[in-house]
Every structure is written in C-alpha cells, then in structure tokens.
Amino acid sequence: MFEVLLNPTDYLDYNHEAVQAYAAKVSGKNQKEQAVSIYYLVRDGIKYNPYTAGTGTDSLKASFAASHDEAYCIPKSALMVALCRSFGIPSKIGFADVINHLSTEKFTEMMGTDYFTMHGYAEIYLDDKWVKATPVFNETLCHRFDVEPLDFDGENDAIFHQFTKGGKKHMEYVVDHGSFDDMPVEYIHQNFTKHYPHLIDYFERFKAESF
C-alpha cells in the first residue's frame, strides 16, 4: 500500500547527493524522532525565499532546496518528503491556498494579491496516522514578523498560525488541495496561471520545461 510513498521520483529525488548530505545529518532512534529531526533541519537549515521560484521546474525539486541556502515552500516541503521516504517513512507532498496577512508590500505588489495558491506542506505517516508538517518559515524569519516559529512533534499537525504573538492576523487557510504521491507539476502550473494571469510569461517556464 505504501510502497509508492517510499520511492524516489524526479522531484522527490532523495538519491541526489545534496539530499543525501542532508540525510547524513538526521538523528533519532525511531521514525518519529527522525521525522522531527528532518523537520527542523529543513525549516531552519534553508531560509525561506519566495523569489527563488523564478528558476522553473528544477526549483520544485527536493534537491533544489538541499543545494541552496534558500528556497520557497514547495521545494522545502519536497525535501522533507524526500528525506522521510529515504528513512522508510511514507510521505506525500500537499498543497493549500492561503492568505498571508503579513506578506511584504513588495511581494504582494509583484503577485498582485495576498492570496497565495499551492503553498506546499509535507504529509507523513507516523504511528498509524497521517500528520501534516510545514517546514517552511525559518526561525529567524518568524521572529522578524513577530510570529511564533512553527514547531513539530511528530504527533500533531504543524500548520501555520492564524495570528502573530501580538494578535495580528497571520495566515488564513482557504483551500486544501490535498496531497499527492509525486509533484503535480501540471496542476501547479494551472493554479499559478489561474490566480496570477499577469505573470503568465513568468510561469510559462514551468509548463515549457515539463510537458
């Protein structure tokens, strides 16, 4: 049943040397401890930078995040999925649409909205249940925006906080697209172009390099 959720793919490429280098840093006596270790390695080892999406489909890969000091939500989540699979933990890549009430003015102006589609997360199978983990916003970034860093204990879902520590709105979940056995590149492209038509040329590279 779970065999397909343990395999490497072109996007969940845990055989890549950069991903293997991360795998060598993972600690833990059991799968839960390993999953938690993976979460923090990815969350804080790679800075969140949404502008890195401009490099096309290669930027969707787990190895993209593992090979760079910064990455956006999809490859960071893909890296967690790939690493979990490499340790025998069934894992999937999930996506949700969110409204980020703390998005910077510069990024909101570029996107034309604070509605962000296809925000990546990992969904992993531990102790006979599925749990969600979002290893995206690194600790330093969270402190800068007065947001409590998102922790993961291997038992409970780790999804974005609704509010900052000061009570301001932070992240609002609007649509959960569910989780996928592999990177749904075409579906990502469809949603990007649907919500950001003014950036159609920017996102065409995802389609051109994939199909």
N, C-alpha and C. Protein backbone atom coordinates (compact mmCIF):
# COMPACT_ATOMS: atom_id res chain seq x y z
N MET A 1 0.83 -1.22 0.00
CA MET A 1 0.00 0.00 0.00
C MET A 1 0.85 1.26 0.00
N PHE A 2 1.94 1.25 0.82
CA PHE A 2 2.76 2.45 0.98
C PHE A 2 4.00 2.45 0.10
N GLU A 3 4.19 1.41 -0.70
CA GLU A 3 5.44 1.29 -1.45
C GLU A 3 5.71 2.51 -2.32
N VAL A 4 4.67 3.01 -3.01
CA VAL A 4 4.86 4.16 -3.89
C VAL A 4 5.23 5.41 -3.11
N LEU A 5 4.87 5.44 -1.83
CA LEU A 5 5.15 6.61 -0.99
C LEU A 5 6.51 6.52 -0.32
N LEU A 6 7.29 5.54 -0.73
CA LEU A 6 8.66 5.39 -0.23
C LEU A 6 9.69 5.56 -1.33
N ASN A 7 9.22 5.62 -2.57
CA ASN A 7 10.12 5.65 -3.72
C ASN A 7 10.62 7.06 -4.03
N PRO A 8 11.84 7.18 -4.53
CA PRO A 8 12.29 8.48 -5.05
C PRO A 8 11.64 8.75 -6.40
N THR A 9 11.50 10.01 -6.76
CA THR A 9 10.99 10.40 -8.08
C THR A 9 11.91 11.50 -8.62
N ASP A 10 11.59 11.99 -9.80
CA ASP A 10 12.40 13.07 -10.36
C ASP A 10 12.37 14.31 -9.49
N TYR A 11 11.29 14.51 -8.75
CA TYR A 11 11.13 15.71 -7.92
C TYR A 11 11.40 15.42 -6.44
N LEU A 12 11.06 14.24 -6.00
CA LEU A 12 11.35 13.82 -4.63
C LEU A 12 12.61 12.95 -4.69
N ASP A 13 13.69 13.58 -5.09
CA ASP A 13 14.90 12.88 -5.53
C ASP A 13 15.90 12.65 -4.40
N TYR A 14 15.56 11.72 -3.50
CA TYR A 14 16.43 11.53 -2.35
C TYR A 14 17.74 10.81 -2.68
N ASN A 15 17.90 10.35 -3.90
CA ASN A 15 19.19 9.78 -4.30
C ASN A 15 20.20 10.84 -4.73
N HIS A 16 19.74 12.08 -4.86
CA HIS A 16 20.63 13.18 -5.23
C HIS A 16 21.64 13.40 -4.11
N GLU A 17 22.87 13.70 -4.47
CA GLU A 17 23.94 13.82 -3.48
C GLU A 17 23.68 14.93 -2.46
N ALA A 18 23.04 16.01 -2.88
CA ALA A 18 22.75 17.10 -1.94
C ALA A 18 21.71 16.68 -0.91
N VAL A 19 20.72 15.89 -1.34
CA VAL A 19 19.72 15.38 -0.40
C VAL A 19 20.35 14.35 0.53
N GLN A 20 21.23 13.52 -0.01
CA GLN A 20 21.93 12.54 0.81
C GLN A 20 22.78 13.22 1.88
N ALA A 21 23.35 14.37 1.54
CA ALA A 21 24.14 15.11 2.53
C ALA A 21 23.28 15.56 3.69
N TYR A 22 22.03 15.96 3.40
CA TYR A 22 21.10 16.31 4.47
C TYR A 22 20.72 15.07 5.28
N ALA A 23 20.51 13.97 4.58
CA ALA A 23 20.13 12.73 5.26
C ALA A 23 21.18 12.32 6.29
N ALA A 24 22.44 12.61 6.00
CA ALA A 24 23.52 12.24 6.91
C ALA A 24 23.45 13.03 8.22
N LYS A 25 22.72 14.14 8.23
CA LYS A 25 22.61 14.97 9.43
C LYS A 25 21.44 14.57 10.32
N VAL A 26 20.58 13.69 9.82
CA VAL A 26 19.36 13.33 10.54
C VAL A 26 19.70 12.46 11.76
N SER A 27 19.05 12.76 12.88
CA SER A 27 19.25 11.99 14.10
C SER A 27 17.93 11.34 14.51
N GLY A 28 18.00 10.44 15.50
CA GLY A 28 16.79 9.83 16.02
C GLY A 28 16.85 8.31 16.05
N LYS A 29 16.27 7.73 17.11
CA LYS A 29 16.30 6.27 17.29
C LYS A 29 15.16 5.58 16.58
N ASN A 30 14.11 6.34 16.23
CA ASN A 30 12.94 5.75 15.59
C ASN A 30 12.41 6.72 14.55
N GLN A 31 11.38 6.31 13.82
CA GLN A 31 10.90 7.14 12.72
C GLN A 31 10.32 8.47 13.18
N LYS A 32 9.65 8.50 14.31
CA LYS A 32 9.10 9.76 14.79
C LYS A 32 10.22 10.76 15.10
N GLU A 33 11.24 10.30 15.79
CA GLU A 33 12.36 11.18 16.11
C GLU A 33 13.09 11.61 14.84
N GLN A 34 13.20 10.71 13.89
CA GLN A 34 13.85 11.07 12.62
C GLN A 34 13.04 12.10 11.85
N ALA A 35 11.71 11.95 11.84
CA ALA A 35 10.85 12.90 11.14
C ALA A 35 10.96 14.29 11.78
N VAL A 36 11.01 14.34 13.10
CA VAL A 36 11.14 15.62 13.80
C VAL A 36 12.50 16.25 13.48
N SER A 37 13.55 15.43 13.49
CA SER A 37 14.88 15.92 13.14
C SER A 37 14.90 16.48 11.72
N ILE A 38 14.28 15.77 10.79
CA ILE A 38 14.20 16.23 9.40
C ILE A 38 13.48 17.58 9.32
N TYR A 39 12.39 17.70 10.06
CA TYR A 39 11.60 18.93 10.03
C TYR A 39 12.47 20.15 10.37
N TYR A 40 13.20 20.05 11.48
CA TYR A 40 13.99 21.21 11.91
C TYR A 40 15.20 21.46 11.02
N LEU A 41 15.78 20.39 10.47
CA LEU A 41 16.89 20.57 9.53
C LEU A 41 16.43 21.37 8.32
N VAL A 42 15.24 21.03 7.81
CA VAL A 42 14.72 21.72 6.63
C VAL A 42 14.21 23.11 6.98
N ARG A 43 13.47 23.22 8.09
CA ARG A 43 12.89 24.51 8.46
C ARG A 43 13.96 25.58 8.64
N ASP A 44 15.01 25.26 9.39
CA ASP A 44 15.99 26.28 9.76
C ASP A 44 17.28 26.21 8.96
N GLY A 45 17.52 25.08 8.28
CA GLY A 45 18.74 24.95 7.51
C GLY A 45 18.69 25.68 6.17
N ILE A 46 17.46 25.97 5.73
CA ILE A 46 17.26 26.63 4.44
C ILE A 46 16.33 27.82 4.63
N LYS A 47 16.79 29.01 4.35
CA LYS A 47 15.97 30.20 4.52
C LYS A 47 14.82 30.21 3.53
N TYR A 48 13.68 30.72 3.99
CA TYR A 48 12.53 30.84 3.08
C TYR A 48 12.71 32.07 2.20
N ASN A 49 12.60 31.86 0.88
CA ASN A 49 12.69 32.96 -0.08
C ASN A 49 11.75 32.67 -1.25
N PRO A 50 10.59 33.33 -1.32
CA PRO A 50 9.62 33.04 -2.39
C PRO A 50 10.11 33.43 -3.77
N TYR A 51 11.09 34.31 -3.86
CA TYR A 51 11.56 34.77 -5.17
C TYR A 51 12.37 33.70 -5.91
N THR A 52 12.78 32.65 -5.23
CA THR A 52 13.55 31.59 -5.88
C THR A 52 12.70 30.73 -6.80
N ALA A 53 11.39 30.97 -6.86
CA ALA A 53 10.52 30.22 -7.75
C ALA A 53 10.81 30.52 -9.22
N GLY A 54 11.55 31.57 -9.49
CA GLY A 54 11.78 32.00 -10.86
C GLY A 54 12.70 31.12 -11.68
N THR A 55 13.21 30.04 -11.10
CA THR A 55 14.16 29.19 -11.82
C THR A 55 13.49 28.01 -12.52
N GLY A 56 12.17 27.96 -12.59
CA GLY A 56 11.47 26.93 -13.35
C GLY A 56 11.28 25.63 -12.60
N THR A 57 11.01 24.55 -13.35
CA THR A 57 10.64 23.29 -12.71
C THR A 57 11.73 22.70 -11.83
N ASP A 58 12.99 22.99 -12.13
CA ASP A 58 14.06 22.49 -11.26
C ASP A 58 13.89 22.98 -9.83
N SER A 59 13.27 24.15 -9.68
CA SER A 59 13.09 24.72 -8.34
C SER A 59 12.01 24.01 -7.54
N LEU A 60 11.28 23.07 -8.17
CA LEU A 60 10.28 22.30 -7.45
C LEU A 60 10.89 21.08 -6.76
N LYS A 61 12.12 20.75 -7.08
CA LYS A 61 12.73 19.51 -6.61
C LYS A 61 13.27 19.61 -5.18
N ALA A 62 13.25 18.47 -4.51
CA ALA A 62 13.86 18.39 -3.19
C ALA A 62 15.33 18.78 -3.26
N SER A 63 16.01 18.35 -4.31
CA SER A 63 17.44 18.65 -4.45
C SER A 63 17.71 20.13 -4.64
N PHE A 64 16.72 20.89 -5.15
CA PHE A 64 16.90 22.34 -5.28
C PHE A 64 17.07 22.95 -3.89
N ALA A 65 16.17 22.58 -2.98
CA ALA A 65 16.28 23.11 -1.62
C ALA A 65 17.57 22.66 -0.96
N ALA A 66 17.92 21.38 -1.13
CA ALA A 66 19.11 20.85 -0.49
C ALA A 66 20.40 21.46 -1.03
N SER A 67 20.34 21.99 -2.25
CA SER A 67 21.53 22.53 -2.90
C SER A 67 21.70 24.03 -2.70
N HIS A 68 20.73 24.67 -2.04
CA HIS A 68 20.77 26.13 -1.88
C HIS A 68 20.59 26.53 -0.41
N ASP A 69 21.03 27.73 -0.11
CA ASP A 69 20.85 28.26 1.24
C ASP A 69 19.43 28.79 1.46
N GLU A 70 18.69 28.97 0.37
CA GLU A 70 17.34 29.48 0.47
C GLU A 70 16.46 28.86 -0.61
N ALA A 71 15.16 28.78 -0.30
CA ALA A 71 14.20 28.17 -1.24
C ALA A 71 12.81 28.59 -0.81
N TYR A 72 11.82 28.27 -1.64
CA TYR A 72 10.44 28.61 -1.29
C TYR A 72 9.72 27.37 -0.77
N CYS A 73 8.42 27.50 -0.53
CA CYS A 73 7.69 26.49 0.24
C CYS A 73 7.65 25.13 -0.43
N ILE A 74 7.51 25.08 -1.77
CA ILE A 74 7.35 23.78 -2.43
C ILE A 74 8.62 22.93 -2.34
N PRO A 75 9.79 23.42 -2.75
CA PRO A 75 10.97 22.56 -2.62
C PRO A 75 11.36 22.26 -1.18
N LYS A 76 11.10 23.18 -0.24
CA LYS A 76 11.39 22.87 1.15
C LYS A 76 10.51 21.72 1.64
N SER A 77 9.24 21.75 1.28
CA SER A 77 8.34 20.66 1.66
C SER A 77 8.71 19.36 0.94
N ALA A 78 9.10 19.50 -0.34
CA ALA A 78 9.53 18.33 -1.10
C ALA A 78 10.76 17.69 -0.47
N LEU A 79 11.65 18.51 0.05
CA LEU A 79 12.85 17.98 0.70
C LEU A 79 12.48 17.18 1.94
N MET A 80 11.52 17.68 2.72
CA MET A 80 11.10 16.91 3.89
C MET A 80 10.49 15.58 3.47
N VAL A 81 9.66 15.60 2.44
CA VAL A 81 9.05 14.37 1.94
C VAL A 81 10.12 13.39 1.48
N ALA A 82 11.06 13.88 0.68
CA ALA A 82 12.11 13.02 0.15
C ALA A 82 12.96 12.41 1.27
N LEU A 83 13.32 13.23 2.24
CA LEU A 83 14.13 12.74 3.35
C LEU A 83 13.36 11.70 4.18
N CYS A 84 12.10 11.96 4.43
CA CYS A 84 11.30 10.98 5.17
C CYS A 84 11.24 9.66 4.42
N ARG A 85 11.02 9.71 3.12
CA ARG A 85 10.99 8.48 2.32
C ARG A 85 12.31 7.74 2.40
N SER A 86 13.40 8.49 2.42
CA SER A 86 14.71 7.84 2.47
C SER A 86 14.93 7.09 3.78
N PHE A 87 14.19 7.46 4.81
CA PHE A 87 14.25 6.77 6.10
C PHE A 87 13.10 5.78 6.29
N GLY A 88 12.40 5.47 5.18
CA GLY A 88 11.35 4.47 5.24
C GLY A 88 10.04 4.97 5.81
N ILE A 89 9.84 6.29 5.83
CA ILE A 89 8.61 6.89 6.35
C ILE A 89 7.72 7.28 5.18
N PRO A 90 6.55 6.67 5.02
CA PRO A 90 5.67 7.03 3.90
C PRO A 90 5.31 8.51 3.95
N SER A 91 5.44 9.17 2.81
CA SER A 91 5.26 10.63 2.79
C SER A 91 4.68 11.07 1.46
N LYS A 92 3.93 12.21 1.52
CA LYS A 92 3.31 12.81 0.33
C LYS A 92 3.54 14.31 0.37
N ILE A 93 3.40 14.95 -0.78
CA ILE A 93 3.52 16.41 -0.88
C ILE A 93 2.11 17.00 -0.95
N GLY A 94 1.81 17.96 -0.07
CA GLY A 94 0.48 18.56 -0.02
C GLY A 94 0.52 20.03 -0.40
N PHE A 95 -0.69 20.56 -0.73
CA PHE A 95 -0.79 21.96 -1.15
C PHE A 95 -2.06 22.59 -0.61
N ALA A 96 -1.96 23.87 -0.27
CA ALA A 96 -3.11 24.64 0.19
C ALA A 96 -3.02 26.05 -0.36
N ASP A 97 -4.17 26.69 -0.53
CA ASP A 97 -4.22 28.12 -0.85
C ASP A 97 -4.37 28.87 0.46
N VAL A 98 -3.60 29.93 0.62
CA VAL A 98 -3.62 30.70 1.86
C VAL A 98 -3.66 32.19 1.56
N ILE A 99 -4.12 32.94 2.54
CA ILE A 99 -3.99 34.40 2.52
C ILE A 99 -2.97 34.74 3.59
N ASN A 100 -1.88 35.35 3.17
CA ASN A 100 -0.82 35.72 4.11
C ASN A 100 -1.00 37.20 4.46
N HIS A 101 -1.54 37.46 5.63
CA HIS A 101 -1.82 38.83 6.05
C HIS A 101 -0.55 39.59 6.40
N LEU A 102 0.59 38.89 6.46
CA LEU A 102 1.86 39.54 6.78
C LEU A 102 2.80 39.59 5.58
N SER A 103 2.28 39.30 4.42
CA SER A 103 3.12 39.35 3.22
C SER A 103 3.71 40.75 3.05
N THR A 104 4.95 40.81 2.60
CA THR A 104 5.58 42.12 2.43
C THR A 104 4.90 42.90 1.30
N GLU A 105 4.96 44.20 1.38
CA GLU A 105 4.35 45.06 0.36
C GLU A 105 4.97 44.77 -1.01
N LYS A 106 6.27 44.55 -1.05
CA LYS A 106 6.98 44.29 -2.31
C LYS A 106 6.45 43.02 -2.97
N PHE A 107 6.32 41.94 -2.18
CA PHE A 107 5.89 40.67 -2.77
C PHE A 107 4.42 40.70 -3.16
N THR A 108 3.60 41.33 -2.32
CA THR A 108 2.17 41.44 -2.63
C THR A 108 1.96 42.24 -3.90
N GLU A 109 2.75 43.30 -4.08
CA GLU A 109 2.65 44.12 -5.29
C GLU A 109 3.03 43.30 -6.52
N MET A 110 4.08 42.49 -6.41
CA MET A 110 4.51 41.68 -7.55
C MET A 110 3.45 40.64 -7.91
N MET A 111 2.87 39.98 -6.90
CA MET A 111 1.88 38.94 -7.15
C MET A 111 0.51 39.53 -7.46
N GLY A 112 0.29 40.76 -7.06
CA GLY A 112 -1.00 41.41 -7.30
C GLY A 112 -2.06 41.02 -6.30
N THR A 113 -1.67 40.33 -5.21
CA THR A 113 -2.63 39.83 -4.23
C THR A 113 -1.89 39.27 -3.03
N ASP A 114 -2.62 39.13 -1.91
CA ASP A 114 -2.04 38.42 -0.76
C ASP A 114 -2.62 37.00 -0.67
N TYR A 115 -3.27 36.57 -1.76
CA TYR A 115 -3.80 35.21 -1.87
C TYR A 115 -2.75 34.37 -2.58
N PHE A 116 -2.24 33.38 -1.89
CA PHE A 116 -1.15 32.58 -2.45
C PHE A 116 -1.60 31.14 -2.65
N THR A 117 -1.58 30.71 -3.90
CA THR A 117 -2.04 29.37 -4.24
C THR A 117 -0.89 28.36 -4.19
N MET A 118 -1.24 27.11 -3.93
CA MET A 118 -0.31 25.99 -3.94
C MET A 118 0.86 26.18 -2.97
N HIS A 119 0.52 26.53 -1.75
CA HIS A 119 1.54 26.61 -0.70
C HIS A 119 1.85 25.18 -0.24
N GLY A 120 3.12 24.79 -0.32
CA GLY A 120 3.49 23.41 -0.06
C GLY A 120 3.58 23.04 1.41
N TYR A 121 3.26 21.78 1.69
CA TYR A 121 3.50 21.20 3.01
C TYR A 121 3.79 19.71 2.83
N ALA A 122 4.26 19.06 3.87
CA ALA A 122 4.52 17.62 3.82
C ALA A 122 3.44 16.90 4.63
N GLU A 123 3.07 15.72 4.17
CA GLU A 123 2.15 14.87 4.92
C GLU A 123 2.84 13.52 5.10
N ILE A 124 3.03 13.13 6.34
CA ILE A 124 3.82 11.93 6.63
C ILE A 124 3.05 10.98 7.53
N TYR A 125 3.38 9.70 7.40
CA TYR A 125 2.65 8.64 8.12
C TYR A 125 3.49 8.16 9.29
N LEU A 126 3.01 8.46 10.50
CA LEU A 126 3.71 8.08 11.73
C LEU A 126 2.71 7.50 12.72
N ASP A 127 3.08 6.39 13.34
CA ASP A 127 2.24 5.77 14.36
C ASP A 127 0.81 5.55 13.87
N ASP A 128 0.70 5.02 12.66
CA ASP A 128 -0.60 4.63 12.09
C ASP A 128 -1.54 5.80 11.80
N LYS A 129 -0.99 6.99 11.60
CA LYS A 129 -1.85 8.11 11.22
C LYS A 129 -1.05 9.11 10.39
N TRP A 130 -1.78 9.90 9.59
CA TRP A 130 -1.16 10.93 8.78
C TRP A 130 -1.09 12.24 9.56
N VAL A 131 0.06 12.90 9.50
CA VAL A 131 0.22 14.22 10.12
C VAL A 131 0.81 15.18 9.10
N LYS A 132 0.42 16.44 9.20
CA LYS A 132 0.92 17.47 8.29
C LYS A 132 2.06 18.24 8.96
N ALA A 133 3.04 18.58 8.17
CA ALA A 133 4.18 19.36 8.68
C ALA A 133 4.54 20.41 7.64
N THR A 134 4.82 21.63 8.11
CA THR A 134 5.10 22.75 7.21
C THR A 134 6.47 23.33 7.55
N PRO A 135 7.55 22.75 7.00
CA PRO A 135 8.91 23.18 7.35
C PRO A 135 9.37 24.36 6.50
N VAL A 136 8.59 25.42 6.50
CA VAL A 136 8.79 26.48 5.51
C VAL A 136 9.44 27.73 6.08
N PHE A 137 8.80 28.39 7.05
CA PHE A 137 9.31 29.66 7.57
C PHE A 137 10.37 29.38 8.64
N ASN A 138 11.60 29.73 8.34
CA ASN A 138 12.70 29.52 9.28
C ASN A 138 12.54 30.40 10.51
N GLU A 139 13.20 30.00 11.59
CA GLU A 139 13.01 30.65 12.88
C GLU A 139 13.34 32.14 12.84
N THR A 140 14.43 32.51 12.18
CA THR A 140 14.82 33.91 12.11
C THR A 140 13.75 34.76 11.43
N LEU A 141 13.18 34.25 10.35
CA LEU A 141 12.12 34.96 9.64
C LEU A 141 10.91 35.15 10.53
N CYS A 142 10.54 34.11 11.26
CA CYS A 142 9.37 34.19 12.15
C CYS A 142 9.54 35.28 13.19
N HIS A 143 10.73 35.34 13.79
CA HIS A 143 10.97 36.36 14.82
C HIS A 143 10.87 37.77 14.21
N ARG A 144 11.29 37.89 12.98
CA ARG A 144 11.25 39.20 12.32
C ARG A 144 9.82 39.70 12.14
N PHE A 145 8.89 38.76 11.94
CA PHE A 145 7.49 39.12 11.73
C PHE A 145 6.62 38.89 12.97
N ASP A 146 7.27 38.68 14.12
CA ASP A 146 6.54 38.52 15.39
C ASP A 146 5.61 37.31 15.35
N VAL A 147 6.05 36.26 14.66
CA VAL A 147 5.28 35.03 14.58
C VAL A 147 6.00 33.93 15.36
N GLU A 148 5.26 33.17 16.14
CA GLU A 148 5.84 32.05 16.86
C GLU A 148 6.33 31.02 15.86
N PRO A 149 7.61 30.62 15.92
CA PRO A 149 8.09 29.59 14.99
C PRO A 149 7.22 28.33 15.09
N LEU A 150 6.93 27.74 13.96
CA LEU A 150 6.04 26.59 13.91
C LEU A 150 6.81 25.33 14.29
N ASP A 151 6.41 24.71 15.39
CA ASP A 151 7.09 23.51 15.87
C ASP A 151 6.37 22.25 15.42
N PHE A 152 7.08 21.13 15.45
CA PHE A 152 6.54 19.84 15.02
C PHE A 152 7.00 18.77 16.00
N ASP A 153 6.05 17.99 16.51
CA ASP A 153 6.38 16.95 17.49
C ASP A 153 6.20 15.54 16.96
N GLY A 154 5.83 15.40 15.68
CA GLY A 154 5.65 14.08 15.11
C GLY A 154 4.31 13.45 15.43
N GLU A 155 3.48 14.17 16.19
CA GLU A 155 2.18 13.63 16.58
C GLU A 155 1.02 14.50 16.11
N ASN A 156 1.24 15.82 16.10
CA ASN A 156 0.17 16.77 15.77
C ASN A 156 0.51 17.53 14.50
N ASP A 157 -0.53 17.96 13.77
CA ASP A 157 -0.32 18.75 12.57
C ASP A 157 0.42 20.04 12.90
N ALA A 158 1.39 20.37 12.07
CA ALA A 158 2.11 21.64 12.20
C ALA A 158 1.74 22.50 10.99
N ILE A 159 0.71 23.31 11.16
CA ILE A 159 0.26 24.21 10.10
C ILE A 159 0.38 25.64 10.61
N PHE A 160 0.37 26.59 9.68
CA PHE A 160 0.67 27.97 10.03
C PHE A 160 -0.29 28.54 11.09
N HIS A 161 0.26 29.39 11.94
CA HIS A 161 -0.54 30.06 12.96
C HIS A 161 -1.48 31.08 12.33
N GLN A 162 -2.68 31.19 12.90
CA GLN A 162 -3.64 32.18 12.42
C GLN A 162 -3.24 33.59 12.78
N PHE A 163 -2.56 33.74 13.92
CA PHE A 163 -2.25 35.08 14.43
C PHE A 163 -0.79 35.16 14.86
N THR A 164 -0.27 36.39 14.91
CA THR A 164 1.05 36.64 15.45
C THR A 164 1.00 36.58 16.96
N LYS A 165 2.17 36.67 17.58
CA LYS A 165 2.20 36.70 19.05
C LYS A 165 1.49 37.93 19.58
N GLY A 166 1.45 39.01 18.79
CA GLY A 166 0.79 40.24 19.20
C GLY A 166 -0.69 40.29 18.87
N GLY A 167 -1.23 39.24 18.25
CA GLY A 167 -2.65 39.18 17.96
C GLY A 167 -3.07 39.61 16.57
N LYS A 168 -2.09 39.98 15.72
CA LYS A 168 -2.43 40.35 14.34
C LYS A 168 -2.70 39.10 13.51
N LYS A 169 -3.56 39.24 12.48
CA LYS A 169 -3.81 38.13 11.59
C LYS A 169 -2.52 37.73 10.87
N HIS A 170 -2.30 36.43 10.75
CA HIS A 170 -1.12 35.96 10.05
C HIS A 170 -1.53 35.17 8.81
N MET A 171 -1.84 33.86 9.00
CA MET A 171 -2.12 33.01 7.85
C MET A 171 -3.54 32.48 7.91
N GLU A 172 -4.24 32.60 6.81
CA GLU A 172 -5.62 32.13 6.70
C GLU A 172 -5.69 31.06 5.61
N TYR A 173 -6.05 29.84 6.01
CA TYR A 173 -6.18 28.76 5.04
C TYR A 173 -7.53 28.88 4.32
N VAL A 174 -7.50 28.80 2.99
CA VAL A 174 -8.70 28.99 2.19
C VAL A 174 -9.10 27.69 1.49
N VAL A 175 -8.16 27.04 0.83
CA VAL A 175 -8.43 25.80 0.09
C VAL A 175 -7.32 24.81 0.38
N ASP A 176 -7.70 23.56 0.70
CA ASP A 176 -6.73 22.48 0.82
C ASP A 176 -6.86 21.61 -0.43
N HIS A 177 -5.81 21.59 -1.25
CA HIS A 177 -5.84 20.80 -2.48
C HIS A 177 -5.54 19.33 -2.23
N GLY A 178 -5.20 18.98 -0.99
CA GLY A 178 -4.89 17.60 -0.68
C GLY A 178 -3.42 17.29 -0.94
N SER A 179 -3.08 16.00 -0.88
CA SER A 179 -1.69 15.59 -1.03
C SER A 179 -1.54 14.64 -2.22
N PHE A 180 -0.30 14.54 -2.70
CA PHE A 180 -0.01 13.84 -3.94
C PHE A 180 1.19 12.92 -3.76
N ASP A 181 1.17 11.80 -4.50
CA ASP A 181 2.28 10.85 -4.43
C ASP A 181 3.55 11.43 -5.03
N ASP A 182 3.42 12.32 -5.99
CA ASP A 182 4.56 12.95 -6.64
C ASP A 182 4.20 14.41 -6.94
N MET A 183 5.15 15.17 -7.39
CA MET A 183 4.94 16.59 -7.65
C MET A 183 3.94 16.78 -8.79
N PRO A 184 2.79 17.42 -8.55
CA PRO A 184 1.78 17.62 -9.60
C PRO A 184 2.08 18.87 -10.42
N VAL A 185 3.09 18.78 -11.25
CA VAL A 185 3.62 19.96 -11.94
C VAL A 185 2.56 20.65 -12.79
N GLU A 186 1.80 19.88 -13.55
CA GLU A 186 0.78 20.49 -14.40
C GLU A 186 -0.29 21.20 -13.57
N TYR A 187 -0.68 20.58 -12.46
CA TYR A 187 -1.70 21.17 -11.59
C TYR A 187 -1.18 22.46 -10.95
N ILE A 188 0.09 22.47 -10.58
CA ILE A 188 0.71 23.67 -10.03
C ILE A 188 0.68 24.79 -11.08
N HIS A 189 1.07 24.44 -12.29
CA HIS A 189 1.07 25.43 -13.37
C HIS A 189 -0.32 25.99 -13.61
N GLN A 190 -1.33 25.13 -13.63
CA GLN A 190 -2.70 25.57 -13.86
C GLN A 190 -3.15 26.57 -12.80
N ASN A 191 -2.82 26.29 -11.54
CA ASN A 191 -3.24 27.18 -10.46
C ASN A 191 -2.45 28.48 -10.45
N PHE A 192 -1.17 28.42 -10.76
CA PHE A 192 -0.37 29.64 -10.84
C PHE A 192 -0.94 30.58 -11.91
N THR A 193 -1.21 30.03 -13.10
CA THR A 193 -1.68 30.89 -14.19
C THR A 193 -3.12 31.35 -13.96
N LYS A 194 -3.91 30.56 -13.25
CA LYS A 194 -5.29 30.96 -12.93
C LYS A 194 -5.31 32.15 -11.97
N HIS A 195 -4.47 32.11 -10.95
CA HIS A 195 -4.51 33.15 -9.92
C HIS A 195 -3.61 34.34 -10.22
N TYR A 196 -2.61 34.14 -11.08
CA TYR A 196 -1.68 35.23 -11.39
C TYR A 196 -1.56 35.39 -12.91
N PRO A 197 -2.66 35.73 -13.59
CA PRO A 197 -2.61 35.82 -15.07
C PRO A 197 -1.63 36.86 -15.57
N HIS A 198 -1.37 37.89 -14.76
CA HIS A 198 -0.43 38.91 -15.19
C HIS A 198 1.02 38.41 -15.18
N LEU A 199 1.23 37.24 -14.56
CA LEU A 199 2.57 36.65 -14.52
C LEU A 199 2.67 35.43 -15.42
N ILE A 200 1.79 35.34 -16.41
CA ILE A 200 1.72 34.16 -17.25
C ILE A 200 3.06 33.84 -17.91
N ASP A 201 3.77 34.85 -18.39
CA ASP A 201 5.06 34.61 -19.02
C ASP A 201 6.08 34.08 -18.01
N TYR A 202 5.97 34.57 -16.79
CA TYR A 202 6.88 34.16 -15.71
C TYR A 202 6.72 32.67 -15.41
N PHE A 203 5.46 32.20 -15.40
CA PHE A 203 5.20 30.81 -15.04
C PHE A 203 5.17 29.86 -16.23
N GLU A 204 5.25 30.39 -17.45
CA GLU A 204 5.24 29.51 -18.61
C GLU A 204 6.42 28.55 -18.61
N ARG A 205 7.51 28.95 -17.95
CA ARG A 205 8.69 28.08 -17.94
C ARG A 205 8.40 26.77 -17.21
N PHE A 206 7.46 26.80 -16.24
CA PHE A 206 7.09 25.55 -15.56
C PHE A 206 6.48 24.58 -16.56
N LYS A 207 5.64 25.12 -17.44
CA LYS A 207 5.00 24.27 -18.44
C LYS A 207 5.99 23.85 -19.53
N ALA A 208 6.75 24.80 -20.01
CA ALA A 208 7.66 24.53 -21.13
C ALA A 208 8.70 23.49 -20.77
N GLU A 209 9.13 23.45 -19.53
CA GLU A 209 10.18 22.54 -19.13
C GLU A 209 9.65 21.18 -18.69
N SER A 210 8.30 21.02 -18.68
CA SER A 210 7.74 19.82 -18.09
C SER A 210 7.00 18.94 -19.06
N PHE A 211 6.40 19.54 -20.09
CA PHE A 211 5.50 18.76 -20.95
C PHE A 211 5.96 18.73 -22.41
